Amino acid sequence: MGLFAKEFQATDRKTEKCVLITVFKDPNGNMKYDKIFDRLLTMSSVGVSGAIQFLGYKHPVSEHERNLLSSETSGFIVTEFIQNGSLENH
Protein backbone atom coordinates (compact mmCIF):
# COMPACT_ATOMS: atom_id res chain seq x y z
CA MET A 1 0.00 0.00 0.00
CA GLY A 2 2.96 2.27 -0.28
CA LEU A 3 4.54 4.77 2.03
CA PHE A 4 1.80 4.93 4.67
CA ALA A 5 0.75 1.29 5.08
CA LYS A 6 2.00 -2.27 4.79
CA GLU A 7 -0.14 -5.39 4.52
CA PHE A 8 0.41 -8.84 6.00
CA GLN A 9 -1.50 -12.07 5.55
CA ALA A 10 -2.04 -13.94 8.82
CA THR A 11 -4.15 -16.67 10.40
CA ASP A 12 -6.74 -15.80 13.05
CA ARG A 13 -5.89 -17.92 16.11
CA LYS A 14 -9.53 -18.30 17.13
CA THR A 15 -11.14 -19.07 13.76
CA GLU A 16 -8.07 -20.34 11.86
CA LYS A 17 -9.22 -18.27 8.86
CA CYS A 18 -6.91 -16.13 6.75
CA VAL A 19 -7.01 -12.42 7.56
CA LEU A 20 -5.32 -9.33 6.19
CA ILE A 21 -3.58 -6.98 8.61
CA THR A 22 -2.94 -3.47 7.32
CA VAL A 23 -0.40 -1.61 9.44
CA PHE A 24 -0.52 2.18 9.12
CA LYS A 25 2.66 4.23 9.47
CA ASP A 26 3.01 7.90 10.17
CA PRO A 27 6.60 8.74 9.23
CA ASN A 28 6.07 12.50 9.46
CA GLY A 29 3.74 12.52 12.46
CA ASN A 30 1.11 14.57 10.63
CA MET A 31 -1.52 12.01 9.53
CA LYS A 32 -4.98 12.31 11.08
CA TYR A 33 -5.30 8.62 12.01
CA ASP A 34 -7.66 9.38 14.91
CA LYS A 35 -10.27 10.56 12.40
CA ILE A 36 -9.57 7.71 10.00
CA PHE A 37 -9.98 5.05 12.69
CA ASP A 38 -13.15 6.71 14.03
CA ARG A 39 -14.66 6.61 10.53
CA LEU A 40 -13.62 3.00 10.00
CA LEU A 41 -15.25 2.01 13.27
CA THR A 42 -18.46 3.81 12.30
CA MET A 43 -18.52 2.25 8.84
CA SER A 44 -17.77 -1.25 10.18
CA SER A 45 -21.16 -1.36 11.89
CA VAL A 46 -22.90 -1.16 8.50
CA GLY A 47 -23.23 -4.51 6.73
CA VAL A 48 -22.73 -4.21 2.99
CA SER A 49 -23.21 -7.28 0.81
CA GLY A 50 -20.06 -8.02 -1.18
CA ALA A 51 -17.82 -5.80 0.93
CA ILE A 52 -14.75 -7.12 2.73
CA GLN A 53 -15.62 -7.77 6.36
CA PHE A 54 -13.91 -5.52 8.92
CA LEU A 55 -12.79 -7.71 11.85
CA GLY A 56 -10.98 -5.34 14.19
CA TYR A 57 -8.43 -2.63 14.76
CA LYS A 58 -5.88 -1.27 17.21
CA HIS A 59 -5.19 2.45 17.54
CA PRO A 60 -3.14 3.81 19.10
CA VAL A 61 -0.67 0.95 19.48
CA SER A 62 1.27 0.37 22.69
CA GLU A 63 4.99 1.08 22.95
CA HIS A 64 5.64 -2.69 22.94
CA GLU A 65 3.62 -3.13 19.70
CA ARG A 66 5.40 -0.15 18.15
CA ASN A 67 8.75 -1.77 18.94
CA LEU A 68 7.62 -5.07 17.37
CA LEU A 69 6.20 -3.53 14.20
CA SER A 70 7.99 -0.24 13.54
CA SER A 71 8.63 2.96 15.44
CA GLU A 72 6.45 4.73 12.85
CA THR A 73 3.42 2.47 13.40
CA SER A 74 0.27 4.38 14.23
CA GLY A 75 -2.25 1.54 14.23
CA PHE A 76 -3.62 -1.37 12.26
CA ILE A 77 -6.85 -2.87 10.98
CA VAL A 78 -7.80 -6.51 10.45
CA THR A 79 -10.10 -7.55 7.61
CA GLU A 80 -11.07 -10.83 6.03
CA PHE A 81 -8.60 -12.00 3.39
CA ILE A 82 -9.92 -12.40 -0.15
CA GLN A 83 -7.65 -14.64 -2.23
CA ASN A 84 -6.85 -14.33 -5.95
CA GLY A 85 -6.90 -10.65 -6.51
CA SER A 86 -5.59 -7.21 -6.05
CA LEU A 87 -7.42 -3.92 -6.16
CA GLU A 88 -4.58 -2.65 -8.34
CA ASN A 89 -5.73 -5.09 -11.07
CA HIS A 90 -9.35 -3.84 -11.14
C-alpha atoms as a PDB file:
ATOM      1  CA  MET A   1       0.000   0.000   0.000  1.00  0.00           C
ATOM      2  CA  GLY A   2       2.963   2.267  -0.279  1.00  0.00           C
ATOM      3  CA  LEU A   3       4.536   4.771   2.030  1.00  0.00           C
ATOM      4  CA  PHE A   4       1.795   4.932   4.670  1.00  0.00           C
ATOM      5  CA  ALA A   5       0.754   1.292   5.082  1.00  0.00           C
ATOM      6  CA  LYS A   6       2.001  -2.265   4.795  1.00  0.00           C
ATOM      7  CA  GLU A   7      -0.141  -5.392   4.524  1.00  0.00           C
ATOM      8  CA  PHE A   8       0.410  -8.839   6.005  1.00  0.00           C
ATOM      9  CA  GLN A   9      -1.502 -12.066   5.547  1.00  0.00           C
ATOM     10  CA  ALA A  10      -2.040 -13.935   8.819  1.00  0.00           C
ATOM     11  CA  THR A  11      -4.150 -16.669  10.404  1.00  0.00           C
ATOM     12  CA  ASP A  12      -6.737 -15.798  13.053  1.00  0.00           C
ATOM     13  CA  ARG A  13      -5.886 -17.920  16.109  1.00  0.00           C
ATOM     14  CA  LYS A  14      -9.525 -18.302  17.131  1.00  0.00           C
ATOM     15  CA  THR A  15     -11.139 -19.075  13.764  1.00  0.00           C
ATOM     16  CA  GLU A  16      -8.070 -20.339  11.856  1.00  0.00           C
ATOM     17  CA  LYS A  17      -9.222 -18.267   8.863  1.00  0.00           C
ATOM     18  CA  CYS A  18      -6.911 -16.126   6.751  1.00  0.00           C
ATOM     19  CA  VAL A  19      -7.008 -12.422   7.561  1.00  0.00           C
ATOM     20  CA  LEU A  20      -5.325  -9.327   6.185  1.00  0.00           C
ATOM     21  CA  ILE A  21      -3.584  -6.979   8.610  1.00  0.00           C
ATOM     22  CA  THR A  22      -2.945  -3.467   7.324  1.00  0.00           C
ATOM     23  CA  VAL A  23      -0.398  -1.606   9.443  1.00  0.00           C
ATOM     24  CA  PHE A  24      -0.519   2.180   9.119  1.00  0.00           C
ATOM     25  CA  LYS A  25       2.659   4.227   9.467  1.00  0.00           C
ATOM     26  CA  ASP A  26       3.007   7.903  10.169  1.00  0.00           C
ATOM     27  CA  PRO A  27       6.604   8.740   9.227  1.00  0.00           C
ATOM     28  CA  ASN A  28       6.073  12.501   9.461  1.00  0.00           C
ATOM     29  CA  GLY A  29       3.742  12.521  12.459  1.00  0.00           C
ATOM     30  CA  ASN A  30       1.112  14.569  10.629  1.00  0.00           C
ATOM     31  CA  MET A  31      -1.520  12.013   9.527  1.00  0.00           C
ATOM     32  CA  LYS A  32      -4.979  12.310  11.078  1.00  0.00           C
ATOM     33  CA  TYR A  33      -5.303   8.621  12.008  1.00  0.00           C
ATOM     34  CA  ASP A  34      -7.658   9.376  14.906  1.00  0.00           C
ATOM     35  CA  LYS A  35     -10.270  10.563  12.397  1.00  0.00           C
ATOM     36  CA  ILE A  36      -9.567   7.713   9.998  1.00  0.00           C
ATOM     37  CA  PHE A  37      -9.984   5.049  12.692  1.00  0.00           C
ATOM     38  CA  ASP A  38     -13.148   6.711  14.030  1.00  0.00           C
ATOM     39  CA  ARG A  39     -14.664   6.613  10.534  1.00  0.00           C
ATOM     40  CA  LEU A  40     -13.622   2.996   9.999  1.00  0.00           C
ATOM     41  CA  LEU A  41     -15.249   2.011  13.271  1.00  0.00           C
ATOM     42  CA  THR A  42     -18.465   3.811  12.300  1.00  0.00           C
ATOM     43  CA  MET A  43     -18.519   2.251   8.839  1.00  0.00           C
ATOM     44  CA  SER A  44     -17.767  -1.249  10.182  1.00  0.00           C
ATOM     45  CA  SER A  45     -21.161  -1.364  11.895  1.00  0.00           C
ATOM     46  CA  VAL A  46     -22.898  -1.156   8.505  1.00  0.00           C
ATOM     47  CA  GLY A  47     -23.232  -4.511   6.732  1.00  0.00           C
ATOM     48  CA  VAL A  48     -22.731  -4.213   2.985  1.00  0.00           C
ATOM     49  CA  SER A  49     -23.210  -7.281   0.807  1.00  0.00           C
ATOM     50  CA  GLY A  50     -20.060  -8.020  -1.177  1.00  0.00           C
ATOM     51  CA  ALA A  51     -17.817  -5.801   0.930  1.00  0.00           C
ATOM     52  CA  ILE A  52     -14.755  -7.120   2.726  1.00  0.00           C
ATOM     53  CA  GLN A  53     -15.618  -7.773   6.360  1.00  0.00           C
ATOM     54  CA  PHE A  54     -13.906  -5.524   8.921  1.00  0.00           C
ATOM     55  CA  LEU A  55     -12.792  -7.708  11.848  1.00  0.00           C
ATOM     56  CA  GLY A  56     -10.981  -5.340  14.191  1.00  0.00           C
ATOM     57  CA  TYR A  57      -8.433  -2.626  14.756  1.00  0.00           C
ATOM     58  CA  LYS A  58      -5.880  -1.271  17.211  1.00  0.00           C
ATOM     59  CA  HIS A  59      -5.188   2.452  17.542  1.00  0.00           C
ATOM     60  CA  PRO A  60      -3.136   3.806  19.103  1.00  0.00           C
ATOM     61  CA  VAL A  61      -0.668   0.955  19.481  1.00  0.00           C
ATOM     62  CA  SER A  62       1.273   0.370  22.685  1.00  0.00           C
ATOM     63  CA  GLU A  63       4.987   1.084  22.949  1.00  0.00           C
ATOM     64  CA  HIS A  64       5.640  -2.688  22.938  1.00  0.00           C
ATOM     65  CA  GLU A  65       3.622  -3.130  19.699  1.00  0.00           C
ATOM     66  CA  ARG A  66       5.397  -0.145  18.154  1.00  0.00           C
ATOM     67  CA  ASN A  67       8.753  -1.769  18.937  1.00  0.00           C
ATOM     68  CA  LEU A  68       7.620  -5.067  17.373  1.00  0.00           C
ATOM     69  CA  LEU A  69       6.198  -3.532  14.195  1.00  0.00           C
ATOM     70  CA  SER A  70       7.988  -0.242  13.541  1.00  0.00           C
ATOM     71  CA  SER A  71       8.634   2.955  15.444  1.00  0.00           C
ATOM     72  CA  GLU A  72       6.448   4.729  12.852  1.00  0.00           C
ATOM     73  CA  THR A  73       3.418   2.466  13.401  1.00  0.00           C
ATOM     74  CA  SER A  74       0.268   4.383  14.227  1.00  0.00           C
ATOM     75  CA  GLY A  75      -2.254   1.544  14.230  1.00  0.00           C
ATOM     76  CA  PHE A  76      -3.624  -1.365  12.259  1.00  0.00           C
ATOM     77  CA  ILE A  77      -6.854  -2.871  10.982  1.00  0.00           C
ATOM     78  CA  VAL A  78      -7.797  -6.510  10.447  1.00  0.00           C
ATOM     79  CA  THR A  79     -10.102  -7.553   7.608  1.00  0.00           C
ATOM     80  CA  GLU A  80     -11.068 -10.831   6.031  1.00  0.00           C
ATOM     81  CA  PHE A  81      -8.601 -12.003   3.387  1.00  0.00           C
ATOM     82  CA  ILE A  82      -9.924 -12.401  -0.150  1.00  0.00           C
ATOM     83  CA  GLN A  83      -7.650 -14.638  -2.226  1.00  0.00           C
ATOM     84  CA  ASN A  84      -6.852 -14.325  -5.949  1.00  0.00           C
ATOM     85  CA  GLY A  85      -6.903 -10.653  -6.510  1.00  0.00           C
ATOM     86  CA  SER A  86      -5.588  -7.205  -6.051  1.00  0.00           C
ATOM     87  CA  LEU A  87      -7.418  -3.917  -6.156  1.00  0.00           C
ATOM     88  CA  GLU A  88      -4.577  -2.648  -8.340  1.00  0.00           C
ATOM     89  CA  ASN A  89      -5.731  -5.086 -11.067  1.00  0.00           C
ATOM     90  CA  HIS A  90      -9.351  -3.842 -11.137  1.00  0.00           C
END
